[in-house]
Amino acid sequence: MIMDERVSIADPGPLGLGAFAMTTFVLSAVNAGWVAAAAAPVFLTLGLFYGGLAQVLAGMWEFRKNNTFGATAFTSYGAFWLALASLVLLELLKVVNFGPAGAAATGLFLVAWTVFTFYMWVGSLRINMALILVFSALLVTFLLLDVGALGGVAAATTLGGWVGILTAIFAWYASAAGVLHSLAGHAVLPVGPRQKA
């Protein structure tokens, strides 16, 4: 089957950013102490379907648009939410039990994602200010959560929750900017200039 290269698709970026923002906000609200820790599983359905599945789909559509950065970011962070939600679900169902190694397991998971986020942050420096803010805040969030998990520093996890909420706000803003731009045909919410290559 030959695809018509003239066929265009809608920008999947606002979907991916919106999915990332909402799921990040909900889990970060738990980490920040806005709600009781017992409410943490509320992010499971978001992590599986919106932050997970919808973001992976956005990543696949970014591949179709030949956007390597968007495809890598959305597919990867979608997989992050799928993996995290699945891990929590498996623990709740007592299929997985890390026991005393729970903090180390969580820390290892988070550190690996911190490495990935670091080089995506570097890539964001060549896009626009809105994404620079998203990835800068996300990198700080991961670093704080790393310290919280591996160092047993509860205050770092709480602060990571607060910075995660800020990350979600930046991502929602970038998502809204994309949606409104597509409707108006021009920039409504500024995202900052595209950085020079």
C-alpha atoms as a PDB file:
ATOM      1  CA  MET A   1       0.000   0.000   0.000  1.00  0.00           C
ATOM      2  CA  ILE A   2       1.397   3.381  -1.003  1.00  0.00           C
ATOM      3  CA  MET A   3       0.746   6.260   1.374  1.00  0.00           C
ATOM      4  CA  ASP A   4      -0.060   9.676  -0.006  1.00  0.00           C
ATOM      5  CA  GLU A   5       2.659  11.953   1.386  1.00  0.00           C
ATOM      6  CA  ARG A   6       0.340  14.960   0.964  1.00  0.00           C
ATOM      7  CA  VAL A   7      -1.969  13.667   3.694  1.00  0.00           C
ATOM      8  CA  SER A   8      -1.278  15.524   6.906  1.00  0.00           C
ATOM      9  CA  ILE A   9      -2.348  14.738  10.433  1.00  0.00           C
ATOM     10  CA  ALA A  10      -3.208  16.973  13.336  1.00  0.00           C
ATOM     11  CA  ASP A  11      -0.443  17.957  15.719  1.00  0.00           C
ATOM     12  CA  PRO A  12      -0.230  15.178  18.343  1.00  0.00           C
ATOM     13  CA  GLY A  13       1.864  17.368  20.672  1.00  0.00           C
ATOM     14  CA  PRO A  14      -1.027  18.910  22.648  1.00  0.00           C
ATOM     15  CA  LEU A  15      -2.468  15.444  23.312  1.00  0.00           C
ATOM     16  CA  GLY A  16       0.850  14.085  24.529  1.00  0.00           C
ATOM     17  CA  LEU A  17       1.535  17.126  26.701  1.00  0.00           C
ATOM     18  CA  GLY A  18      -1.979  17.081  28.155  1.00  0.00           C
ATOM     19  CA  ALA A  19      -1.725  13.377  28.986  1.00  0.00           C
ATOM     20  CA  PHE A  20       1.685  13.877  30.568  1.00  0.00           C
ATOM     21  CA  ALA A  21       0.495  16.926  32.528  1.00  0.00           C
ATOM     22  CA  MET A  22      -2.600  15.376  34.064  1.00  0.00           C
ATOM     23  CA  THR A  23      -0.924  12.165  35.171  1.00  0.00           C
ATOM     24  CA  THR A  24       2.082  14.051  36.528  1.00  0.00           C
ATOM     25  CA  PHE A  25      -0.200  16.431  38.414  1.00  0.00           C
ATOM     26  CA  VAL A  26      -2.170  13.665  40.119  1.00  0.00           C
ATOM     27  CA  LEU A  27       0.854  11.657  41.289  1.00  0.00           C
ATOM     28  CA  SER A  28       2.749  14.812  42.250  1.00  0.00           C
ATOM     29  CA  ALA A  29      -0.202  15.969  44.356  1.00  0.00           C
ATOM     30  CA  VAL A  30       0.184  12.730  46.325  1.00  0.00           C
ATOM     31  CA  ASN A  31       3.967  13.206  46.639  1.00  0.00           C
ATOM     32  CA  ALA A  32       3.485  16.819  47.758  1.00  0.00           C
ATOM     33  CA  GLY A  33       1.118  15.690  50.498  1.00  0.00           C
ATOM     34  CA  TRP A  34      -1.977  17.369  49.085  1.00  0.00           C
ATOM     35  CA  VAL A  35      -3.856  14.100  49.587  1.00  0.00           C
ATOM     36  CA  ALA A  36      -3.250  11.068  51.776  1.00  0.00           C
ATOM     37  CA  ALA A  37      -0.715   8.509  50.588  1.00  0.00           C
ATOM     38  CA  ALA A  38      -3.539   5.955  50.558  1.00  0.00           C
ATOM     39  CA  ALA A  39      -4.969   7.887  47.594  1.00  0.00           C
ATOM     40  CA  ALA A  40      -1.858   7.219  45.482  1.00  0.00           C
ATOM     41  CA  PRO A  41      -3.470   4.408  43.439  1.00  0.00           C
ATOM     42  CA  VAL A  42      -5.842   7.010  41.964  1.00  0.00           C
ATOM     43  CA  PHE A  43      -3.160   7.644  39.361  1.00  0.00           C
ATOM     44  CA  LEU A  44      -3.318   4.024  38.133  1.00  0.00           C
ATOM     45  CA  THR A  45      -6.076   4.474  35.571  1.00  0.00           C
ATOM     46  CA  LEU A  46      -4.554   7.753  34.368  1.00  0.00           C
ATOM     47  CA  GLY A  47      -1.137   6.102  34.183  1.00  0.00           C
ATOM     48  CA  LEU A  48      -2.465   3.194  32.156  1.00  0.00           C
ATOM     49  CA  PHE A  49      -4.796   5.011  29.796  1.00  0.00           C
ATOM     50  CA  TYR A  50      -4.136   8.749  29.523  1.00  0.00           C
ATOM     51  CA  GLY A  51      -0.532   9.215  30.598  1.00  0.00           C
ATOM     52  CA  GLY A  52       0.303   5.776  29.207  1.00  0.00           C
ATOM     53  CA  LEU A  53      -1.740   4.710  26.183  1.00  0.00           C
ATOM     54  CA  ALA A  54      -2.706   8.170  24.898  1.00  0.00           C
ATOM     55  CA  GLN A  55       0.869   9.403  25.201  1.00  0.00           C
ATOM     56  CA  VAL A  56       2.269   6.371  23.366  1.00  0.00           C
ATOM     57  CA  LEU A  57      -0.255   7.000  20.582  1.00  0.00           C
ATOM     58  CA  ALA A  58       0.835  10.653  20.438  1.00  0.00           C
ATOM     59  CA  GLY A  59       4.401   9.405  20.108  1.00  0.00           C
ATOM     60  CA  MET A  60       3.471   7.159  17.188  1.00  0.00           C
ATOM     61  CA  TRP A  61       1.803  10.089  15.429  1.00  0.00           C
ATOM     62  CA  GLU A  62       4.932  12.170  16.036  1.00  0.00           C
ATOM     63  CA  PHE A  63       6.859   9.475  14.141  1.00  0.00           C
ATOM     64  CA  ARG A  64       4.403   9.978  11.272  1.00  0.00           C
ATOM     65  CA  LYS A  65       5.176  13.709  11.385  1.00  0.00           C
ATOM     66  CA  ASN A  66       8.919  12.927  11.275  1.00  0.00           C
ATOM     67  CA  ASN A  67       9.470  14.538  14.701  1.00  0.00           C
ATOM     68  CA  THR A  68      12.127  12.415  16.389  1.00  0.00           C
ATOM     69  CA  PHE A  69      12.135  14.449  19.609  1.00  0.00           C
ATOM     70  CA  GLY A  70       8.343  14.352  20.040  1.00  0.00           C
ATOM     71  CA  ALA A  71       8.146  10.680  19.086  1.00  0.00           C
ATOM     72  CA  THR A  72      10.874   9.722  21.544  1.00  0.00           C
ATOM     73  CA  ALA A  73       9.518  11.884  24.363  1.00  0.00           C
ATOM     74  CA  PHE A  74       5.854  10.892  24.148  1.00  0.00           C
ATOM     75  CA  THR A  75       6.449   7.206  23.490  1.00  0.00           C
ATOM     76  CA  SER A  76       9.005   6.970  26.280  1.00  0.00           C
ATOM     77  CA  TYR A  77       7.066   8.900  28.923  1.00  0.00           C
ATOM     78  CA  GLY A  78       3.926   7.013  27.915  1.00  0.00           C
ATOM     79  CA  ALA A  79       5.855   3.808  28.562  1.00  0.00           C
ATOM     80  CA  PHE A  80       7.083   5.309  31.852  1.00  0.00           C
ATOM     81  CA  TRP A  81       3.506   5.746  33.057  1.00  0.00           C
ATOM     82  CA  LEU A  82       2.497   2.289  31.818  1.00  0.00           C
ATOM     83  CA  ALA A  83       5.470   0.752  33.617  1.00  0.00           C
ATOM     84  CA  LEU A  84       4.964   2.689  36.848  1.00  0.00           C
ATOM     85  CA  ALA A  85       1.218   2.051  36.989  1.00  0.00           C
ATOM     86  CA  SER A  86       1.768  -1.645  36.226  1.00  0.00           C
ATOM     87  CA  LEU A  87       4.413  -1.915  38.930  1.00  0.00           C
ATOM     88  CA  VAL A  88       2.143  -0.318  41.533  1.00  0.00           C
ATOM     89  CA  LEU A  89      -0.727  -2.540  40.422  1.00  0.00           C
ATOM     90  CA  LEU A  90       1.429  -5.669  40.673  1.00  0.00           C
ATOM     91  CA  GLU A  91       2.475  -4.629  44.181  1.00  0.00           C
ATOM     92  CA  LEU A  92      -1.128  -4.005  45.212  1.00  0.00           C
ATOM     93  CA  LEU A  93      -2.076  -7.452  43.889  1.00  0.00           C
ATOM     94  CA  LYS A  94       0.904  -8.905  45.804  1.00  0.00           C
ATOM     95  CA  VAL A  95       2.388 -10.353  42.614  1.00  0.00           C
ATOM     96  CA  VAL A  96       5.557  -8.338  43.283  1.00  0.00           C
ATOM     97  CA  ASN A  97       6.989  -7.759  46.744  1.00  0.00           C
ATOM     98  CA  PHE A  98      10.289  -5.896  46.995  1.00  0.00           C
ATOM     99  CA  GLY A  99      10.226  -5.986  50.777  1.00  0.00           C
ATOM    100  CA  PRO A 100      13.149  -4.064  52.283  1.00  0.00           C
ATOM    101  CA  ALA A 101      14.529  -3.464  48.772  1.00  0.00           C
ATOM    102  CA  GLY A 102      11.489  -1.364  47.808  1.00  0.00           C
ATOM    103  CA  ALA A 103      13.257   1.988  48.141  1.00  0.00           C
ATOM    104  CA  ALA A 104      16.259   0.739  46.153  1.00  0.00           C
ATOM    105  CA  ALA A 105      13.993  -0.639  43.412  1.00  0.00           C
ATOM    106  CA  THR A 106      12.074   2.627  43.170  1.00  0.00           C
ATOM    107  CA  GLY A 107      15.318   4.597  43.237  1.00  0.00           C
ATOM    108  CA  LEU A 108      16.848   2.532  40.432  1.00  0.00           C
ATOM    109  CA  PHE A 109      13.720   3.029  38.320  1.00  0.00           C
ATOM    110  CA  LEU A 110      13.788   6.789  38.943  1.00  0.00           C
ATOM    111  CA  VAL A 111      17.517   7.216  38.330  1.00  0.00           C
ATOM    112  CA  ALA A 112      17.222   5.485  34.954  1.00  0.00           C
ATOM    113  CA  TRP A 113      14.457   7.919  33.994  1.00  0.00           C
ATOM    114  CA  THR A 114      16.550  10.826  35.269  1.00  0.00           C
ATOM    115  CA  VAL A 115      19.296   9.898  32.790  1.00  0.00           C
ATOM    116  CA  PHE A 116      16.777   9.808  29.952  1.00  0.00           C
ATOM    117  CA  THR A 117      15.215  13.101  31.075  1.00  0.00           C
ATOM    118  CA  PHE A 118      18.629  14.758  31.190  1.00  0.00           C
ATOM    119  CA  TYR A 119      19.365  14.266  27.512  1.00  0.00           C
ATOM    120  CA  MET A 120      15.788  15.091  26.553  1.00  0.00           C
ATOM    121  CA  TRP A 121      16.259  18.316  28.532  1.00  0.00           C
ATOM    122  CA  VAL A 122      19.379  19.016  26.449  1.00  0.00           C
ATOM    123  CA  GLY A 123      17.301  18.440  23.303  1.00  0.00           C
ATOM    124  CA  SER A 124      14.554  20.764  24.542  1.00  0.00           C
ATOM    125  CA  LEU A 125      17.069  23.621  24.603  1.00  0.00           C
ATOM    126  CA  ARG A 126      16.780  23.637  20.794  1.00  0.00           C
ATOM    127  CA  ILE A 127      12.987  23.839  20.643  1.00  0.00           C
ATOM    128  CA  ASN A 128      11.159  26.603  22.531  1.00  0.00           C
ATOM    129  CA  MET A 129      10.905  28.148  25.992  1.00  0.00           C
ATOM    130  CA  ALA A 130       7.692  26.310  26.905  1.00  0.00           C
ATOM    131  CA  LEU A 131       9.354  22.914  26.443  1.00  0.00           C
ATOM    132  CA  ILE A 132      12.558  24.089  28.089  1.00  0.00           C
ATOM    133  CA  LEU A 133      10.481  24.921  31.185  1.00  0.00           C
ATOM    134  CA  VAL A 134       8.684  21.537  31.068  1.00  0.00           C
ATOM    135  CA  PHE A 135      11.908  19.539  30.816  1.00  0.00           C
ATOM    136  CA  SER A 136      13.838  21.705  33.277  1.00  0.00           C
ATOM    137  CA  ALA A 137      11.152  21.271  35.935  1.00  0.00           C
ATOM    138  CA  LEU A 138      10.841  17.557  35.120  1.00  0.00           C
ATOM    139  CA  LEU A 139      14.584  17.034  35.520  1.00  0.00           C
ATOM    140  CA  VAL A 140      14.544  18.747  38.922  1.00  0.00           C
ATOM    141  CA  THR A 141      11.507  16.644  39.884  1.00  0.00           C
ATOM    142  CA  PHE A 142      13.318  13.417  39.062  1.00  0.00           C
ATOM    143  CA  LEU A 143      16.477  14.499  40.887  1.00  0.00           C
ATOM    144  CA  LEU A 144      14.475  15.266  44.026  1.00  0.00           C
ATOM    145  CA  LEU A 145      12.577  11.979  43.804  1.00  0.00           C
ATOM    146  CA  ASP A 146      15.920  10.151  43.372  1.00  0.00           C
ATOM    147  CA  VAL A 147      17.176  11.673  46.622  1.00  0.00           C
ATOM    148  CA  GLY A 148      13.886  10.882  48.323  1.00  0.00           C
ATOM    149  CA  ALA A 149      13.914   7.226  47.266  1.00  0.00           C
ATOM    150  CA  LEU A 150      17.612   6.378  47.528  1.00  0.00           C
ATOM    151  CA  GLY A 151      18.474   8.671  50.420  1.00  0.00           C
ATOM    152  CA  GLY A 152      15.318   8.081  52.393  1.00  0.00           C
ATOM    153  CA  VAL A 153      14.754  11.835  52.533  1.00  0.00           C
ATOM    154  CA  ALA A 154      10.989  12.320  52.793  1.00  0.00           C
ATOM    155  CA  ALA A 155      11.338  16.102  52.413  1.00  0.00           C
ATOM    156  CA  ALA A 156      12.970  15.598  49.001  1.00  0.00           C
ATOM    157  CA  THR A 157      10.023  13.483  47.836  1.00  0.00           C
ATOM    158  CA  THR A 158       7.595  16.134  49.084  1.00  0.00           C
ATOM    159  CA  LEU A 159       9.526  18.898  47.338  1.00  0.00           C
ATOM    160  CA  GLY A 160       9.686  16.694  44.241  1.00  0.00           C
ATOM    161  CA  GLY A 161       5.904  16.561  44.385  1.00  0.00           C
ATOM    162  CA  TRP A 162       5.686  20.352  44.426  1.00  0.00           C
ATOM    163  CA  VAL A 163       8.105  20.685  41.504  1.00  0.00           C
ATOM    164  CA  GLY A 164       6.160  17.932  39.730  1.00  0.00           C
ATOM    165  CA  ILE A 165       3.009  20.035  40.070  1.00  0.00           C
ATOM    166  CA  LEU A 166       4.905  22.943  38.503  1.00  0.00           C
ATOM    167  CA  THR A 167       6.031  20.582  35.720  1.00  0.00           C
ATOM    168  CA  ALA A 168       2.397  19.653  35.078  1.00  0.00           C
ATOM    169  CA  ILE A 169       1.366  23.320  34.950  1.00  0.00           C
ATOM    170  CA  PHE A 170       4.090  24.043  32.362  1.00  0.00           C
ATOM    171  CA  ALA A 171       3.016  20.998  30.308  1.00  0.00           C
ATOM    172  CA  TRP A 172      -0.662  21.997  30.474  1.00  0.00           C
ATOM    173  CA  TYR A 173       0.289  25.475  29.296  1.00  0.00           C
ATOM    174  CA  ALA A 174       2.244  24.071  26.333  1.00  0.00           C
ATOM    175  CA  SER A 175      -0.667  21.735  25.514  1.00  0.00           C
ATOM    176  CA  ALA A 176      -3.179  24.596  25.660  1.00  0.00           C
ATOM    177  CA  ALA A 177      -0.929  26.720  23.446  1.00  0.00           C
ATOM    178  CA  GLY A 178      -0.946  23.992  20.796  1.00  0.00           C
ATOM    179  CA  VAL A 179      -4.721  23.477  20.933  1.00  0.00           C
ATOM    180  CA  LEU A 180      -5.513  27.192  20.780  1.00  0.00           C
ATOM    181  CA  HIS A 181      -3.003  27.753  17.979  1.00  0.00           C
ATOM    182  CA  SER A 182      -4.652  25.031  15.881  1.00  0.00           C
ATOM    183  CA  LEU A 183      -8.082  26.604  16.418  1.00  0.00           C
ATOM    184  CA  ALA A 184      -7.093  30.235  15.854  1.00  0.00           C
ATOM    185  CA  GLY A 185      -4.566  29.653  13.095  1.00  0.00           C
ATOM    186  CA  HIS A 186      -2.022  31.783  14.940  1.00  0.00           C
ATOM    187  CA  ALA A 187      -0.239  31.827  18.279  1.00  0.00           C
ATOM    188  CA  VAL A 188      -2.605  32.667  21.150  1.00  0.00           C
ATOM    189  CA  LEU A 189      -0.393  31.633  24.074  1.00  0.00           C
ATOM    190  CA  PRO A 190       3.303  32.380  23.496  1.00  0.00           C
ATOM    191  CA  VAL A 191       5.721  29.470  23.782  1.00  0.00           C
ATOM    192  CA  GLY A 192       8.864  31.474  23.189  1.00  0.00           C
ATOM    193  CA  PRO A 193      11.003  31.608  20.071  1.00  0.00           C
ATOM    194  CA  ARG A 194      12.253  28.496  18.378  1.00  0.00           C
ATOM    195  CA  GLN A 195      15.890  28.141  19.359  1.00  0.00           C
ATOM    196  CA  LYS A 196      18.544  28.447  16.662  1.00  0.00           C
ATOM    197  CA  ALA A 197      20.099  25.192  15.518  1.00  0.00           C
END
